[in-house]
């Protein structure tokens, strides 16, 4: 389960939309999952066709060291919306699982967190999230919607509250099956052997065990197993659904023409807000697995279904789980005609946390003064008023565990990166955690490094050759500076409720949304292909 984050930012006065004053520019943010920095033409790819995205790059600024705050969806999206490291909001897991898996979980982005959508809404902006959310939905009942996008500053929502797991698309396999098998085989064997042993002991008179107690144990084990089988058999119907605001409009989700439907919703939202400033976050399901492409794009690229999905996302624009650079370094494009110079490359470290203060200041809203904001306003850098990023240090977390630190000294062109631990790949001779779909972040799943691994990304961007005291004379000096920065960072953290604890992650039947009934397999479709307007000409 690779959940990298790709970010395109487009602050723009759209030609077909009335341009508002400089204090209230329209803001469009486009996001995509799992798209690598080398998958776009504007970043050097010569075989995938992305002309629309490439045109955005030519008309704006290309960030070449843009970093996602996490290699996983849930924490990275929390950082994107709040401008804060996920560890500050409880959106970084101490357990193995670092993202929300079920629509009926109780964890999510806390209501105390301030999103840029909340602040822009207070400034009179119309706000919409179209596409993927993945930051929780309910807390205590199936209709409190405490974590829902509409509770975090968005006026309008059309999309998925979780994500498009492979389990959501028939024939794409499962991200759970292997883990469930590993987790349950031994407990089931132990329970079975225990029950059989107790029955035998009772039969031969070796042990007095009430038949009623044995019966209850057997009943509980059977009900638990049946419930588990039922849940995973119906996973697609229970977790993969499409919502408009608080209402389910398609359950289970259909991938047919999904990108076109998202695009249509985005175009219609812009059309409804031609006389007022707006914020639109269009969060694609592309190119996260399960991979999908509509019939107009299927089989057209040179890179199979993945390439088809990338090219379909590019059409829409016209209209992982590791802290290695390949897992967190993502494309970042910004366009604002007349304000940001076109065709510019910025090679300074930037973060998706920077979007929060940048968007808030563009709207002339006030940044919160009661909390630490880790992002920095990008506009001075984008306009060439400054040449250095304010990010001297960036801290890279693997769930709630500090994995690596990036240091960009103010008097040097070097970008140092220090790893305190690295994941143990599975299979051992691979370059990823394919057996578990995602790399875990603690215990026997990692290798600690003492001294830490050190790379100079300005000379070794692929992190192939760790530096040593013999190859880098300042080796221990660099580590000392980084350790001091880590200590200062750790002192700025405060304990908060863990939104990704097992209690908050587990499926809770009373939080489950169903648009019909369980007897009808929670089926409904109010967003069928027949209602789709033709958007290819838009």
Foldseek 3Di string as FASTA:
>chain_A
DFWFKFWEWEQADDPVFDADDLLFTATEIEIATPDWLQNDVCSPDDFFDQVLVNVLQQQFEWEQFEWQQFLHDQQSVLLLFQLDRSLQQLQFDPDFDNFFDAQQFQFFRALPGAGLLQQVVVLVAAEEEEEEARGHAHHDFQPPRCRPVVSHNHPKYKYADRAAAQLLDPPSDGLCPLVCCVVVVVVVVVLVVVLVVVVVCCVVVVDPDDPVVSVVSVVVVVVVVVVVVVCSVLVNQQHQFIDIRSHTAFGRDDPACPLLVSLVVVVVVSVVASPTHYYYYYYHSPPDPVQDAYPVQAPPGPPHSNSSRSNSVSLSSSSARFPQCRSIRHIYGYHYPPQFHGPHYAHEYAYSSQNSVQSCVSNVGDDDPPADRNHHHCSCCRNVVDRYDPPQKRFHDNRNHGAKMWGDDPVDRWIKMWGQKGFQDPVNPDDHNVSNPHQGDDDPGIDGDVVTFMDTCVVVVNSPDTDDCVRDVCVVVVVVVVVVVVVVVVVRHDDDDNSPDPSSNDRDVSNTDANPDVVVSSGHHNPDPVPRDDDSVD
